[in-house]
Amino acid sequence: MISIYHLTPQLRRNLKKPLGILFCGSLEETVSILGTLIEKEKPAKIVTVGDRVSQDLTDQSLLPDVLIIDNKVMRKEITPISATADRVVYVKNPPGTITYEAWFAVEKAIEDSQRTKIVVDGEEDLLALVAILTVPENSLVLYGQPRRGVVVVKATAEMKQQVREIVDTMESD
């Protein structure tokens, strides 16, 4: 397995800040806001990164096109989520890296018309960057912000450029 990008200590600190808009509140409040946002924006694609956000949206019939999970919440193993998809893909992606295998799986899932669940052996967090780079413009990428809420990133040309600059600062093989 080839890791193509590795997180640097400085970048790890920088990425603790949300890339998009952070929505805080109870599950009901957050899901209601997200439902309204999705209805208003009519995103080209919706990608969720993280087990809790993927399950919470699915439970409320807000079905992501791509779900990226690792069977963990806050780095602790959990019972696999019940959210279903048309296709399930398994990849390896160690913590602090983005592997070629994982990048390719995210990119292909976004291109596919089937709902796809990507199950990561390792850590899925950095795959939000890949999702932002590879979704069509006007798509939404949602990920959990530990102990705070849900971050919603709208894929615009400016956001894609910002994320490209982040990825370019990562160490690569």
C-alpha atoms as a PDB file:
ATOM      1  CA  MET A   1       0.000   0.000   0.000  1.00  0.00           C
ATOM      2  CA  ILE A   2       1.392   3.366  -0.995  1.00  0.00           C
ATOM      3  CA  SER A   3       0.660   6.406   1.139  1.00  0.00           C
ATOM      4  CA  ILE A   4       0.692   9.445  -1.049  1.00  0.00           C
ATOM      5  CA  TYR A   5       0.191  12.176   1.537  1.00  0.00           C
ATOM      6  CA  HIS A   6       1.161  12.449   5.202  1.00  0.00           C
ATOM      7  CA  LEU A   7      -0.079  14.990   7.709  1.00  0.00           C
ATOM      8  CA  THR A   8       2.570  17.294   9.169  1.00  0.00           C
ATOM      9  CA  PRO A   9       2.403  18.424  12.828  1.00  0.00           C
ATOM     10  CA  GLN A  10       1.728  22.035  11.757  1.00  0.00           C
ATOM     11  CA  LEU A  11      -1.045  20.994   9.401  1.00  0.00           C
ATOM     12  CA  ARG A  12      -2.578  18.790  12.124  1.00  0.00           C
ATOM     13  CA  ARG A  13      -2.921  21.904  14.302  1.00  0.00           C
ATOM     14  CA  ASN A  14      -4.305  24.002  11.423  1.00  0.00           C
ATOM     15  CA  LEU A  15      -6.937  21.402  10.480  1.00  0.00           C
ATOM     16  CA  LYS A  16      -8.518  21.522  13.939  1.00  0.00           C
ATOM     17  CA  LYS A  17     -10.241  24.689  12.691  1.00  0.00           C
ATOM     18  CA  PRO A  18     -13.371  23.883  10.630  1.00  0.00           C
ATOM     19  CA  LEU A  19     -12.984  24.270   6.863  1.00  0.00           C
ATOM     20  CA  GLY A  20     -16.602  25.267   6.427  1.00  0.00           C
ATOM     21  CA  ILE A  21     -19.546  26.383   8.530  1.00  0.00           C
ATOM     22  CA  LEU A  22     -19.836  24.718  11.942  1.00  0.00           C
ATOM     23  CA  PHE A  23     -23.403  23.905  13.010  1.00  0.00           C
ATOM     24  CA  CYS A  24     -23.783  23.331  16.747  1.00  0.00           C
ATOM     25  CA  GLY A  25     -26.789  22.266  18.744  1.00  0.00           C
ATOM     26  CA  SER A  26     -28.821  19.194  19.502  1.00  0.00           C
ATOM     27  CA  LEU A  27     -29.129  16.425  16.954  1.00  0.00           C
ATOM     28  CA  GLU A  28     -32.654  17.570  16.131  1.00  0.00           C
ATOM     29  CA  GLU A  29     -31.605  21.204  15.630  1.00  0.00           C
ATOM     30  CA  THR A  30     -28.579  20.287  13.534  1.00  0.00           C
ATOM     31  CA  VAL A  31     -30.470  17.846  11.326  1.00  0.00           C
ATOM     32  CA  SER A  32     -33.277  20.377  10.831  1.00  0.00           C
ATOM     33  CA  ILE A  33     -30.780  23.052   9.747  1.00  0.00           C
ATOM     34  CA  LEU A  34     -29.007  20.592   7.452  1.00  0.00           C
ATOM     35  CA  GLY A  35     -32.308  19.505   5.902  1.00  0.00           C
ATOM     36  CA  THR A  36     -33.218  23.120   5.177  1.00  0.00           C
ATOM     37  CA  LEU A  37     -29.752  23.808   3.766  1.00  0.00           C
ATOM     38  CA  ILE A  38     -29.871  20.744   1.503  1.00  0.00           C
ATOM     39  CA  GLU A  39     -33.345  21.711   0.263  1.00  0.00           C
ATOM     40  CA  LYS A  40     -32.187  25.279  -0.454  1.00  0.00           C
ATOM     41  CA  GLU A  41     -28.811  24.450  -2.015  1.00  0.00           C
ATOM     42  CA  LYS A  42     -29.907  21.381  -4.010  1.00  0.00           C
ATOM     43  CA  PRO A  43     -26.302  20.123  -3.963  1.00  0.00           C
ATOM     44  CA  ALA A  44     -24.886  18.149  -6.879  1.00  0.00           C
ATOM     45  CA  LYS A  45     -23.564  15.564  -4.375  1.00  0.00           C
ATOM     46  CA  ILE A  46     -23.640  15.096  -0.627  1.00  0.00           C
ATOM     47  CA  VAL A  47     -20.679  13.372   1.024  1.00  0.00           C
ATOM     48  CA  THR A  48     -20.492  12.576   4.729  1.00  0.00           C
ATOM     49  CA  VAL A  49     -17.202  11.822   6.434  1.00  0.00           C
ATOM     50  CA  GLY A  50     -17.535  10.167   9.818  1.00  0.00           C
ATOM     51  CA  ASP A  51     -19.718   7.501  11.350  1.00  0.00           C
ATOM     52  CA  ARG A  52     -21.914   9.678  13.527  1.00  0.00           C
ATOM     53  CA  VAL A  53     -22.740  12.317  10.893  1.00  0.00           C
ATOM     54  CA  SER A  54     -23.339   9.584   8.285  1.00  0.00           C
ATOM     55  CA  GLN A  55     -25.733   7.685  10.565  1.00  0.00           C
ATOM     56  CA  ASP A  56     -27.495  10.813  11.852  1.00  0.00           C
ATOM     57  CA  LEU A  57     -28.262  12.095   8.360  1.00  0.00           C
ATOM     58  CA  THR A  58     -29.372   8.684   7.130  1.00  0.00           C
ATOM     59  CA  ASP A  59     -31.635   8.250  10.170  1.00  0.00           C
ATOM     60  CA  GLN A  60     -33.402  11.482   9.158  1.00  0.00           C
ATOM     61  CA  SER A  61     -33.792  10.393   5.504  1.00  0.00           C
ATOM     62  CA  LEU A  62     -31.144  12.880   4.338  1.00  0.00           C
ATOM     63  CA  LEU A  63     -29.317  10.350   2.217  1.00  0.00           C
ATOM     64  CA  PRO A  64     -25.702  11.125   1.316  1.00  0.00           C
ATOM     65  CA  ASP A  65     -24.430  10.030  -2.071  1.00  0.00           C
ATOM     66  CA  VAL A  66     -21.175   8.897  -0.457  1.00  0.00           C
ATOM     67  CA  LEU A  67     -20.618   7.896   3.172  1.00  0.00           C
ATOM     68  CA  ILE A  68     -17.030   7.588   4.381  1.00  0.00           C
ATOM     69  CA  ILE A  69     -16.727   5.789   7.719  1.00  0.00           C
ATOM     70  CA  ASP A  70     -14.160   3.927   9.823  1.00  0.00           C
ATOM     71  CA  ASN A  71     -16.370   2.212  12.434  1.00  0.00           C
ATOM     72  CA  LYS A  72     -15.061   4.581  15.098  1.00  0.00           C
ATOM     73  CA  VAL A  73     -16.362   7.631  16.918  1.00  0.00           C
ATOM     74  CA  MET A  74     -13.748   9.852  18.569  1.00  0.00           C
ATOM     75  CA  ARG A  75     -11.125   7.160  17.808  1.00  0.00           C
ATOM     76  CA  LYS A  76     -13.065   4.490  19.728  1.00  0.00           C
ATOM     77  CA  GLU A  77     -14.372   1.361  17.993  1.00  0.00           C
ATOM     78  CA  ILE A  78     -18.154   1.241  17.603  1.00  0.00           C
ATOM     79  CA  THR A  79     -20.660  -1.230  16.275  1.00  0.00           C
ATOM     80  CA  PRO A  80     -20.746  -0.608  12.508  1.00  0.00           C
ATOM     81  CA  ILE A  81     -23.439   1.890  11.559  1.00  0.00           C
ATOM     82  CA  SER A  82     -26.637   0.610   9.991  1.00  0.00           C
ATOM     83  CA  ALA A  83     -26.686   3.140   7.136  1.00  0.00           C
ATOM     84  CA  THR A  84     -26.940   1.215   3.909  1.00  0.00           C
ATOM     85  CA  ALA A  85     -25.718   1.939   0.405  1.00  0.00           C
ATOM     86  CA  ASP A  86     -25.954   0.387  -3.041  1.00  0.00           C
ATOM     87  CA  ARG A  87     -22.254  -0.368  -2.997  1.00  0.00           C
ATOM     88  CA  VAL A  88     -19.705  -0.869  -0.211  1.00  0.00           C
ATOM     89  CA  VAL A  89     -15.981  -0.379  -0.773  1.00  0.00           C
ATOM     90  CA  TYR A  90     -13.236  -1.277   1.725  1.00  0.00           C
ATOM     91  CA  VAL A  91      -9.932   0.618   1.790  1.00  0.00           C
ATOM     92  CA  LYS A  92      -6.880   0.961   3.996  1.00  0.00           C
ATOM     93  CA  ASN A  93      -5.920   4.456   5.085  1.00  0.00           C
ATOM     94  CA  PRO A  94      -3.673   4.721   8.162  1.00  0.00           C
ATOM     95  CA  PRO A  95      -4.112   7.670  10.558  1.00  0.00           C
ATOM     96  CA  GLY A  96      -2.571  10.915   9.345  1.00  0.00           C
ATOM     97  CA  THR A  97      -2.363   9.806   5.710  1.00  0.00           C
ATOM     98  CA  ILE A  98      -4.235   9.788   2.460  1.00  0.00           C
ATOM     99  CA  THR A  99      -3.421   6.640   0.513  1.00  0.00           C
ATOM    100  CA  TYR A 100      -3.722   6.255  -3.232  1.00  0.00           C
ATOM    101  CA  GLU A 101      -6.237   3.451  -2.620  1.00  0.00           C
ATOM    102  CA  ALA A 102      -8.468   5.687  -0.480  1.00  0.00           C
ATOM    103  CA  TRP A 103      -8.175   8.690  -2.832  1.00  0.00           C
ATOM    104  CA  PHE A 104      -9.134   6.528  -5.805  1.00  0.00           C
ATOM    105  CA  ALA A 105     -12.097   5.009  -3.916  1.00  0.00           C
ATOM    106  CA  VAL A 106     -13.465   8.439  -2.951  1.00  0.00           C
ATOM    107  CA  GLU A 107     -13.019   9.782  -6.464  1.00  0.00           C
ATOM    108  CA  LYS A 108     -14.740   6.755  -8.042  1.00  0.00           C
ATOM    109  CA  ALA A 109     -17.593   6.813  -5.508  1.00  0.00           C
ATOM    110  CA  ILE A 110     -18.262  10.464  -6.305  1.00  0.00           C
ATOM    111  CA  GLU A 111     -18.299   9.741 -10.047  1.00  0.00           C
ATOM    112  CA  ASP A 112     -20.673   6.803  -9.554  1.00  0.00           C
ATOM    113  CA  SER A 113     -24.443   7.233  -9.587  1.00  0.00           C
ATOM    114  CA  GLN A 114     -24.886   4.542  -6.907  1.00  0.00           C
ATOM    115  CA  ARG A 115     -24.924   5.447  -3.214  1.00  0.00           C
ATOM    116  CA  THR A 116     -21.572   4.250  -1.939  1.00  0.00           C
ATOM    117  CA  LYS A 117     -20.311   3.548   1.551  1.00  0.00           C
ATOM    118  CA  ILE A 118     -16.530   3.558   1.911  1.00  0.00           C
ATOM    119  CA  VAL A 119     -15.388   1.646   4.976  1.00  0.00           C
ATOM    120  CA  VAL A 120     -11.888   2.664   6.005  1.00  0.00           C
ATOM    121  CA  ASP A 121      -9.493   0.414   7.850  1.00  0.00           C
ATOM    122  CA  GLY A 122      -7.542   3.124   9.651  1.00  0.00           C
ATOM    123  CA  GLU A 123      -8.825   6.692   9.721  1.00  0.00           C
ATOM    124  CA  GLU A 124     -11.221   8.552   7.445  1.00  0.00           C
ATOM    125  CA  ASP A 125     -10.767  12.159   8.643  1.00  0.00           C
ATOM    126  CA  LEU A 126      -8.410  13.411   5.922  1.00  0.00           C
ATOM    127  CA  LEU A 127     -10.606  11.941   3.204  1.00  0.00           C
ATOM    128  CA  ALA A 128     -12.842  15.004   3.650  1.00  0.00           C
ATOM    129  CA  LEU A 129     -10.084  16.886   1.800  1.00  0.00           C
ATOM    130  CA  VAL A 130     -10.234  14.398  -1.072  1.00  0.00           C
ATOM    131  CA  ALA A 131     -14.019  14.658  -1.172  1.00  0.00           C
ATOM    132  CA  ILE A 132     -13.906  18.463  -1.359  1.00  0.00           C
ATOM    133  CA  LEU A 133     -11.384  18.323  -4.196  1.00  0.00           C
ATOM    134  CA  THR A 134     -13.223  15.693  -6.232  1.00  0.00           C
ATOM    135  CA  VAL A 135     -16.931  16.552  -5.847  1.00  0.00           C
ATOM    136  CA  PRO A 136     -18.588  18.723  -8.466  1.00  0.00           C
ATOM    137  CA  GLU A 137     -18.962  22.380  -7.547  1.00  0.00           C
ATOM    138  CA  ASN A 138     -22.073  23.128  -5.479  1.00  0.00           C
ATOM    139  CA  SER A 139     -21.733  19.817  -3.645  1.00  0.00           C
ATOM    140  CA  LEU A 140     -21.714  19.579   0.140  1.00  0.00           C
ATOM    141  CA  VAL A 141     -19.179  17.701   2.239  1.00  0.00           C
ATOM    142  CA  LEU A 142     -20.185  17.199   5.867  1.00  0.00           C
ATOM    143  CA  TYR A 143     -17.960  16.001   8.670  1.00  0.00           C
ATOM    144  CA  GLY A 144     -18.123  15.896  12.433  1.00  0.00           C
ATOM    145  CA  GLN A 145     -16.254  18.408  14.568  1.00  0.00           C
ATOM    146  CA  PRO A 146     -15.539  16.500  17.795  1.00  0.00           C
ATOM    147  CA  ARG A 147     -17.602  17.685  20.773  1.00  0.00           C
ATOM    148  CA  ARG A 148     -18.874  20.677  18.762  1.00  0.00           C
ATOM    149  CA  GLY A 149     -21.177  19.753  15.897  1.00  0.00           C
ATOM    150  CA  VAL A 150     -21.188  19.246  12.146  1.00  0.00           C
ATOM    151  CA  VAL A 151     -19.090  21.136   9.629  1.00  0.00           C
ATOM    152  CA  VAL A 152     -20.620  21.786   6.211  1.00  0.00           C
ATOM    153  CA  VAL A 153     -18.267  22.620   3.371  1.00  0.00           C
ATOM    154  CA  LYS A 154     -19.738  23.880   0.111  1.00  0.00           C
ATOM    155  CA  ALA A 155     -17.486  22.928  -2.792  1.00  0.00           C
ATOM    156  CA  THR A 156     -16.758  26.157  -4.607  1.00  0.00           C
ATOM    157  CA  ALA A 157     -13.794  27.000  -6.816  1.00  0.00           C
ATOM    158  CA  GLU A 158     -12.337  29.037  -3.934  1.00  0.00           C
ATOM    159  CA  MET A 159     -12.783  26.224  -1.411  1.00  0.00           C
ATOM    160  CA  LYS A 160     -11.256  23.706  -3.802  1.00  0.00           C
ATOM    161  CA  GLN A 161      -8.241  26.000  -4.220  1.00  0.00           C
ATOM    162  CA  GLN A 162      -7.888  26.377  -0.449  1.00  0.00           C
ATOM    163  CA  VAL A 163      -8.006  22.589   0.014  1.00  0.00           C
ATOM    164  CA  ARG A 164      -5.566  22.052  -2.874  1.00  0.00           C
ATOM    165  CA  GLU A 165      -3.111  24.343  -1.039  1.00  0.00           C
ATOM    166  CA  ILE A 166      -3.590  22.299   2.149  1.00  0.00           C
ATOM    167  CA  VAL A 167      -2.929  19.019   0.338  1.00  0.00           C
ATOM    168  CA  ASP A 168       0.102  20.553  -1.387  1.00  0.00           C
ATOM    169  CA  THR A 169       1.631  21.312   2.025  1.00  0.00           C
ATOM    170  CA  MET A 170       1.378  17.668   3.098  1.00  0.00           C
ATOM    171  CA  GLU A 171       4.454  15.477   2.865  1.00  0.00           C
ATOM    172  CA  SER A 172       4.192  13.136  -0.104  1.00  0.00           C
ATOM    173  CA  ASP A 173       5.870   9.912  -1.149  1.00  0.00           C
END
